[in-house]
Each structure stands twice: as structure tokens, then as C-alpha cells.
Protein backbone atom coordinates (compact mmCIF):
# COMPACT_ATOMS: atom_id res chain seq x y z
CA UNK A 1 0.16 0.12 -0.03
CA UNK A 2 1.28 3.43 -0.87
CA UNK A 3 2.63 5.59 2.16
CA UNK A 4 0.26 8.55 1.16
CA UNK A 5 -2.79 6.29 1.08
CA UNK A 6 -2.13 4.73 4.31
CA UNK A 7 -1.51 8.15 6.09
CA UNK A 8 -4.66 9.23 4.64
CA UNK A 9 -6.59 6.10 5.96
CA UNK A 10 -4.94 6.73 9.54
CA UNK A 11 -5.77 10.29 9.46
CA UNK A 12 -9.33 9.88 8.65
CA UNK A 13 -9.85 7.15 10.87
CA UNK A 14 -8.40 9.00 13.85
CA UNK A 15 -10.21 12.16 13.00
CA UNK A 16 -13.46 9.83 13.03
CA UNK A 17 -12.29 8.34 16.31
CA UNK A 18 -12.36 11.79 17.85
CA UNK A 19 -15.32 13.12 16.45
CA UNK A 20 -16.92 9.86 17.95
CA UNK A 21 -15.42 10.64 21.21
CA UNK A 22 -16.68 14.09 21.16
CA UNK A 23 -20.26 12.97 20.26
CA UNK A 24 -20.15 10.59 23.11
CA UNK A 25 -19.47 13.06 25.38
CA UNK A 26 -21.86 15.61 24.32
CA UNK A 27 -24.64 13.20 24.48
CA UNK A 28 -23.75 12.25 27.76
CA UNK A 29 -23.00 15.70 29.15
CA UNK A 30 -26.07 17.60 27.54
CA UNK A 31 -28.92 14.62 27.43
CA UNK A 32 -32.25 16.01 28.29
CA UNK A 33 -33.83 14.24 31.26
CA UNK A 34 -37.32 13.12 29.65
CA UNK A 35 -39.74 12.82 32.83
CA UNK A 36 -41.44 9.78 32.21
CA UNK A 37 -44.95 11.20 33.63
CA UNK A 38 -44.71 13.45 30.47
CA UNK A 39 -44.61 10.73 28.30
CA UNK A 40 -47.23 9.01 30.36
CA UNK A 41 -49.57 12.00 29.75
CA UNK A 42 -48.58 12.25 25.98
CA UNK A 43 -49.95 8.71 25.58
CA UNK A 44 -53.26 9.74 26.81
CA UNK A 45 -53.48 12.66 24.46
CA UNK A 46 -55.19 12.15 21.27
CA UNK A 47 -52.27 13.50 19.18
CA UNK A 48 -53.93 15.58 16.70
CA UNK A 49 -52.18 18.72 17.58
CA UNK A 50 -54.46 20.95 16.95
CA UNK A 51 -53.27 23.90 19.35
CA UNK A 52 -56.89 24.14 20.82
CA UNK A 53 -55.39 23.74 24.53
CA UNK A 54 -53.20 26.96 23.85
CA UNK A 55 -49.84 25.15 23.52
CA UNK A 56 -47.76 24.16 20.30
CA UNK A 57 -48.76 20.91 20.37
CA UNK A 58 -49.70 17.86 22.49
CA UNK A 59 -46.26 17.25 23.41
CA UNK A 60 -46.01 20.99 24.79
CA UNK A 61 -49.34 20.43 26.73
CA UNK A 62 -48.24 17.08 28.09
CA UNK A 63 -45.47 18.63 29.75
CA UNK A 64 -47.10 21.86 31.13
CA UNK A 65 -49.75 19.25 32.90
CA UNK A 66 -47.31 16.82 34.26
CA UNK A 67 -44.58 19.52 35.63
CA UNK A 68 -46.25 22.88 35.80
CA UNK A 69 -49.64 21.95 37.01
CA UNK A 70 -51.97 23.20 33.87
CA UNK A 71 -55.36 22.17 34.14
CA UNK A 72 -56.08 18.63 32.34
CA UNK A 73 -59.38 20.11 31.21
CA UNK A 74 -57.71 22.08 28.22
CA UNK A 75 -57.90 19.26 25.40
CA UNK A 76 -61.30 19.62 23.74
CA UNK A 77 -60.83 16.80 21.19
CA UNK A 78 -59.92 14.58 24.06
CA UNK A 79 -63.24 15.45 25.80
CA UNK A 80 -64.12 14.03 29.49
CA UNK A 81 -62.36 10.67 28.60
CA UNK A 82 -59.12 12.38 28.49
CA UNK A 83 -59.62 14.34 31.73
CA UNK A 84 -60.17 11.33 33.83
CA UNK A 85 -57.49 9.19 32.63
CA UNK A 86 -55.09 12.21 33.04
CA UNK A 87 -56.56 12.91 36.61
CA UNK A 88 -56.34 9.22 37.61
CA UNK A 89 -52.64 9.17 36.58
CA UNK A 90 -51.71 12.45 38.49
CA UNK A 91 -53.59 11.67 41.53
CA UNK A 92 -55.86 14.65 40.92
CA UNK A 93 -59.78 15.24 41.59
CA UNK A 94 -61.65 14.74 38.17
CA UNK A 95 -63.13 17.81 36.83
CA UNK A 96 -66.20 17.47 35.27
CA UNK A 97 -66.12 19.31 31.46
CA UNK A 98 -68.93 20.64 29.45
CA UNK A 99 -68.81 19.42 25.82
CA UNK A 100 -68.91 22.57 23.37
CA UNK A 101 -69.20 22.92 19.65
CA UNK A 102 -68.68 25.82 17.26
CA UNK A 103 -71.79 27.77 16.38
CA UNK A 104 -71.52 30.37 13.21
CA UNK A 105 -73.05 33.76 14.15
CA UNK A 106 -73.92 34.62 10.49
CA UNK A 107 -76.89 33.37 8.58
CA UNK A 108 -76.07 35.97 5.61
CA UNK A 109 -76.31 33.41 2.54
CA UNK A 110 -75.69 34.02 -0.77
CA UNK A 111 -79.70 34.84 -1.44
CA UNK A 112 -79.97 36.60 1.79
CA UNK A 113 -76.69 38.95 2.06
CA UNK A 114 -75.84 41.31 -0.81
CA UNK A 115 -72.16 41.82 -2.03
CA UNK A 116 -70.54 45.13 -2.74
CA UNK A 117 -68.36 44.08 -5.44
CA UNK A 118 -67.70 40.99 -7.53
CA UNK A 119 -64.12 39.49 -6.01
CA UNK A 120 -61.99 37.73 -8.63
CA UNK A 121 -59.08 37.14 -6.36
CA UNK A 122 -57.80 33.96 -4.59
CA UNK A 123 -60.62 32.17 -3.00
CA UNK A 124 -59.54 32.70 0.72
CA UNK A 125 -61.02 34.62 3.46
CA UNK A 126 -57.84 36.18 4.76
CA UNK A 127 -56.86 37.51 1.47
CA UNK A 128 -60.39 38.45 0.32
CA UNK A 129 -60.97 40.27 3.76
CA UNK A 130 -57.50 42.76 3.07
CA UNK A 131 -59.75 44.12 -0.04
CA UNK A 132 -62.03 46.73 1.51
CA UNK A 133 -63.26 43.97 4.32
CA UNK A 134 -64.21 41.80 1.47
CA UNK A 135 -66.89 41.40 -1.00
CA UNK A 136 -69.93 41.13 1.36
CA UNK A 137 -72.06 44.54 1.70
CA UNK A 138 -72.04 43.61 5.63
CA UNK A 139 -68.74 44.23 7.12
CA UNK A 140 -69.69 41.59 9.62
CA UNK A 141 -70.70 38.75 7.36
CA UNK A 142 -69.33 35.45 6.28
CA UNK A 143 -66.96 35.70 3.23
CA UNK A 144 -68.01 32.08 2.50
CA UNK A 145 -64.45 30.92 0.97
CA UNK A 146 -63.96 28.06 3.60
CA UNK A 147 -61.14 28.70 5.15
CA UNK A 148 -62.71 27.17 8.37
CA UNK A 149 -63.16 24.14 6.49
CA UNK A 150 -59.66 23.82 5.19
CA UNK A 151 -58.27 24.31 8.59
CA UNK A 152 -60.58 21.95 10.26
CA UNK A 153 -58.83 18.52 11.11
CA UNK A 154 -62.04 16.60 12.13
CA UNK A 155 -64.00 17.02 8.95
CA UNK A 156 -66.58 18.83 11.21
CA UNK A 157 -66.96 21.55 8.50
CA UNK A 158 -68.37 21.94 5.09
CA UNK A 159 -69.51 24.37 2.80
CA UNK A 160 -73.28 24.52 1.91
CA UNK A 161 -74.50 25.64 -1.63
CA UNK A 162 -75.70 28.86 -0.09
CA UNK A 163 -72.14 29.77 0.59
CA UNK A 164 -71.99 29.36 4.57
CA UNK A 165 -69.99 26.91 6.63
CA UNK A 166 -72.20 24.10 8.10
CA UNK A 167 -70.82 22.50 11.59
CA UNK A 168 -71.13 18.96 12.08
CA UNK A 169 -71.96 18.67 15.94
CA UNK A 170 -71.38 15.01 16.34
CA UNK A 171 -67.77 15.56 14.47
CA UNK A 172 -66.75 18.90 15.95
CA UNK A 173 -64.02 18.60 19.00
CA UNK A 174 -64.48 22.56 19.91
CA UNK A 175 -60.73 22.51 19.02
CA UNK A 176 -61.02 26.37 18.27
CA UNK A 177 -59.23 26.29 14.84
CA UNK A 178 -62.20 27.90 13.15
CA UNK A 179 -62.67 30.70 15.69
CA UNK A 180 -58.81 31.58 15.02
CA UNK A 181 -58.96 31.31 11.27
CA UNK A 182 -61.92 33.57 10.77
CA UNK A 183 -60.92 37.03 9.74
CA UNK A 184 -64.46 38.26 10.72
CA UNK A 185 -64.53 36.37 13.98
CA UNK A 186 -67.84 34.89 13.50
CA UNK A 187 -67.66 31.56 15.04
CA UNK A 188 -67.96 31.09 18.92
CA UNK A 189 -67.53 27.83 21.27
CA UNK A 190 -70.73 27.25 23.16
CA UNK A 191 -71.97 24.11 25.38
CA UNK A 192 -73.79 22.03 22.81
CA UNK A 193 -76.97 21.87 24.94
CA UNK A 194 -77.56 25.28 23.02
CA UNK A 195 -80.36 25.03 20.49
CA UNK A 196 -81.10 28.51 19.94
CA UNK A 197 -78.62 31.06 19.23
CA UNK A 198 -78.05 34.33 17.40
CA UNK A 199 -76.69 33.99 13.88
CA UNK A 200 -75.59 37.44 13.50
CA UNK A 201 -72.58 39.62 14.37
CA UNK A 202 -73.41 43.20 12.88
CA UNK A 203 -73.02 46.04 14.99
CA UNK A 204 -74.43 48.38 12.55
CA UNK A 205 -77.94 50.26 12.87
CA UNK A 206 -81.18 48.78 11.72
CA UNK A 207 -81.24 50.63 8.78
CA UNK A 208 -77.77 49.91 7.45
CA UNK A 209 -78.42 46.24 8.25
CA UNK A 210 -81.56 45.88 6.33
CA UNK A 211 -80.12 47.29 3.20
CA UNK A 212 -77.45 44.74 3.13
CA UNK A 213 -78.93 41.50 4.78
CA UNK A 214 -82.51 40.08 5.25
CA UNK A 215 -81.89 38.23 7.90
CA UNK A 216 -79.53 40.62 10.24
CA UNK A 217 -80.14 41.67 13.69
CA UNK A 218 -81.48 45.32 13.49
CA UNK A 219 -80.87 46.20 17.14
CA UNK A 220 -84.72 46.35 17.92
CA UNK A 221 -84.09 44.71 21.41
CA UNK A 222 -87.38 42.70 21.23
CA UNK A 223 -85.55 39.77 22.32
CA UNK A 224 -84.05 41.51 25.61
CA UNK A 225 -87.68 42.32 26.17
CA UNK A 226 -89.28 39.11 26.01
CA UNK A 227 -86.49 36.85 27.16
CA UNK A 228 -87.05 36.60 31.19
CA UNK A 229 -83.30 36.55 31.85
CA UNK A 230 -80.67 38.87 32.87
CA UNK A 231 -78.10 36.70 30.39
CA UNK A 232 -79.31 38.93 27.30
CA UNK A 233 -78.84 42.38 26.98
CA UNK A 234 -78.16 45.04 23.93
CA UNK A 235 -74.51 45.98 23.48
CA UNK A 236 -73.56 47.90 20.20
CA UNK A 237 -76.63 47.39 18.45
CA UNK A 238 -76.48 43.66 18.92
CA UNK A 239 -77.98 41.47 21.60
CA UNK A 240 -75.22 40.14 23.85
CA UNK A 241 -75.95 36.94 25.18
CA UNK A 242 -74.67 34.43 27.91
CA UNK A 243 -75.31 30.78 26.95
CA UNK A 244 -73.63 29.62 29.84
CA UNK A 245 -76.42 30.98 31.80
CA UNK A 246 -78.99 28.64 29.69
CA UNK A 247 -81.51 31.49 28.77
CA UNK A 248 -84.55 30.37 27.31
CA UNK A 249 -84.89 32.10 23.64
CA UNK A 250 -87.59 30.21 22.27
CA UNK A 251 -89.65 33.46 22.74
CA UNK A 252 -86.54 35.55 21.41
CA UNK A 253 -86.49 33.33 18.10
CA UNK A 254 -90.47 33.34 17.85
CA UNK A 255 -90.73 37.65 18.01
CA UNK A 256 -87.55 38.35 15.88
CA UNK A 257 -88.76 40.30 13.02
CA UNK A 258 -85.93 39.46 10.86
CA UNK A 259 -85.48 35.95 12.03
CA UNK A 260 -81.88 36.37 13.07
CA UNK A 261 -81.91 33.46 15.77
CA UNK A 262 -81.77 29.96 14.52
CA UNK A 263 -83.33 27.06 16.23
CA UNK A 264 -81.46 23.82 15.66
CA UNK A 265 -84.63 21.72 17.09
CA UNK A 266 -86.61 20.85 13.98
CA UNK A 267 -89.92 20.27 16.07
CA UNK A 268 -90.30 21.35 19.86
CA UNK A 269 -92.25 19.79 22.51
CA UNK A 270 -95.78 21.43 22.95
CA UNK A 271 -98.11 22.23 26.02
CA UNK A 272 -101.02 20.43 26.54
CA UNK A 273 -103.67 21.10 29.23
CA UNK A 274 -105.57 18.25 31.30
CA UNK A 275 -109.03 18.14 32.84
CA UNK A 276 -108.04 19.77 36.03
CA UNK A 277 -108.18 23.13 34.06
CA UNK A 278 -111.07 25.69 35.50
CA UNK A 279 -110.73 27.99 32.91
CA UNK A 280 -109.09 31.19 34.85
CA UNK A 281 -107.52 32.05 31.21
CA UNK A 282 -104.37 33.37 32.59
CA UNK A 283 -102.75 31.03 30.28
CA UNK A 284 -104.55 32.91 27.34
CA UNK A 285 -103.17 36.02 28.69
CA UNK A 286 -99.51 35.03 28.61
CA UNK A 287 -99.38 33.12 25.53
CA UNK A 288 -97.58 35.03 22.63
CA UNK A 289 -99.35 33.16 19.65
CA UNK A 290 -102.88 34.24 18.73
CA UNK A 291 -105.52 31.87 19.16
CA UNK A 292 -102.91 29.14 20.34
CA UNK A 293 -104.95 28.38 23.35
CA UNK A 294 -108.56 28.73 23.31
CA UNK A 295 -112.03 28.10 25.34
CA UNK A 296 -114.26 29.97 26.92
CA UNK A 297 -114.00 31.26 30.76
CA UNK A 298 -114.86 28.72 33.35
CA UNK A 299 -114.24 25.89 31.03
CA UNK A 300 -111.36 23.46 30.16
CA UNK A 301 -109.44 25.31 27.57
CA UNK A 302 -107.32 23.91 24.74
CA UNK A 303 -103.66 24.35 23.27
CA UNK A 304 -103.31 23.81 19.60
CA UNK A 305 -100.19 21.71 19.20
CA UNK A 306 -99.60 23.21 15.42
CA UNK A 307 -99.23 26.61 17.11
CA UNK A 308 -97.48 25.95 20.09
CA UNK A 309 -94.10 27.17 20.38
CA UNK A 310 -93.12 25.74 23.51
CA UNK A 311 -92.28 28.45 25.56
CA UNK A 312 -93.73 27.45 28.55
CA UNK A 313 -94.99 30.82 29.63
CA UNK A 314 -98.75 29.16 30.06
CA UNK A 315 -96.95 26.29 32.54
CA UNK A 316 -95.66 29.15 35.06
CA UNK A 317 -99.34 30.87 35.76
CA UNK A 318 -101.88 27.82 35.81
CA UNK A 319 -103.07 28.21 39.23
CA UNK A 320 -104.34 24.33 38.87
CA UNK A 321 -101.10 23.07 37.60
CA UNK A 322 -103.09 21.94 34.47
CA UNK A 323 -100.73 22.23 31.92
CA UNK A 324 -97.80 19.85 30.86
CA UNK A 325 -95.50 19.32 28.86
CA UNK A 326 -95.95 16.84 25.56
CA UNK A 327 -93.01 15.18 23.50
CA UNK A 328 -92.58 16.66 19.95
């Protein structure tokens, strides 16, 4: 073997040995000690890395829960099952969580809301919003290009034919991705027991709203007046509702002159009057629906199930307790 070749091989071998020794030393000296509890928590999490918990991913959240005492209730996709498993692992008290889903506070579809110009750009809500707030004449309306659909990792959103995103309540995990991506801030995460909600976000005055959308809230305040709850009030020309307080919005939905409220229940339960009725007619006085309750004074009255909206006002005023709820 040529001396030059031999020296070259020996030199390369020596350099390799030295570098290997340096790497071995570094791996020992700078090794990151992994808390096994973090790994155990990470194994429980769903691993979708949606960011709904407020951390960069499941690994970051697992570390915060296991080492910093961060609440185990922040993983929306995991739900109560994950909370129970993590609490058991860490020896913590199990905290009950309320399942939430995403709600869209806009009903301004193509046939109900006007456009102020024809948009020919990239079909992306973020991009469209840069051009004067988007093509919708309502500055608060959904632009309809589906950024929320594209960002959803759970296939819980799809675009309808009328240009609005529709939430699949069974698939939605309340990860909050749609809330964060919407440039108009139209999504909200609410308890899934909410069946009636305000589908409008416009803070414009009534005349302005009427000119651009047929189902927009005009700020009349009727819903506030008819709802017996402090959970709803007018703010900036728009009803502000505390859905966590579970207000009864049946009457608000019925009385709204622009149909700005959406009822997710296709057919509600109605009221019925039994033979204990003495015909006091207090139920007739409070019923908001004309000719829904009929009968002669002093005799048994009747409720028309086709007209009854299930608001329950009659139930509360009957002195004979003769009114009952009948299934839908």
C-alpha cells in the first residue's frame, strides 16, 4: 500500500475516532432528561396537535400538565375521557367538563346577503378580507371561501350550497381552529346543549343592516324584552347573550322580526291542558301566539299543538297546575 494512501486512511480514522468520542461525551453531558410522567400524559392525549389547548402541540401540553400543574381540561378533542385518565394518572380530582361545539354567528347566505363588488381574487377569506373587508356588503358577514373548512382537522365543517359553512355537531371537538382562522370572528364555542342562538354579528344600526342583509339583527331589542333573563342585553346594537346561563330563547326566536335567531330543534315539544283546568284564562293572557289557547271562561281550555311554540309561559301561570309538556 502506498504510504500516502496509508497516511490518509489513518488520518481519517483518527479524525472519526476523535469526533465519535466528542459526540459520545456531548450526548452524556447535554442529555435532556425526559420526565416519564410527561410521556405517560402524552400517550393519553389524542395526538392531533390542533393547538386548541393554547400550546404548540400535544407534547408541549403534556409537559405543562405533568410538570407545571396546568389544568387537564384544556384538551377539547379528548373531552371528559382524557380528563379522567390524566386525573387518575396524576392523582388529581376529576373535573367535569361541558362539551362544546362551534357555532357560526352569521346567516347571511348568498340569497340573503348582498355583495358590494365581485371578487376575482384567490378564494381565501384572509385574502379577500384585505380588500375593503371583503366582497360582502355587510362588514360583519361571512365571506364564504371556507378557510374554516380547510383548517378543520376533524372534517366537522363543510360548505353549503348557499355559501355558508355548516358545523357537524357530532364531529366537532371544539378545538377552536375555526375560531382562530375566521377574519370576521364569526365562530364561537358554546355548550352543545344550546339549541337556539343568534346568527348575526353585525353592530351596524337597523337601517344599514336592512339594506345589506334580510336576516341580520336590526338592534330592535325585542328579544331582550321578551326573554325573562339577565343573560341577554343589548350592546353595540346587537343582543349580547350569556349562553352559559342557559337562557330560554324560544320566545326571542319567535318574536325576532328578521329571523336572526336559529333554532336547531326541528320540532319542539308543545304544551297540553288536562281536565283539571278551571278556565281561569291566565294562560291565554300570557300566550304570545294568537289563538294558540282557546276556550270559554270557566271551562276547560285547549292548546293547538300546531301553533304552540313550547315557550312554557302558560305552564308557570296556571293556578291549577293543569298544563304539562308533551313530547314533540
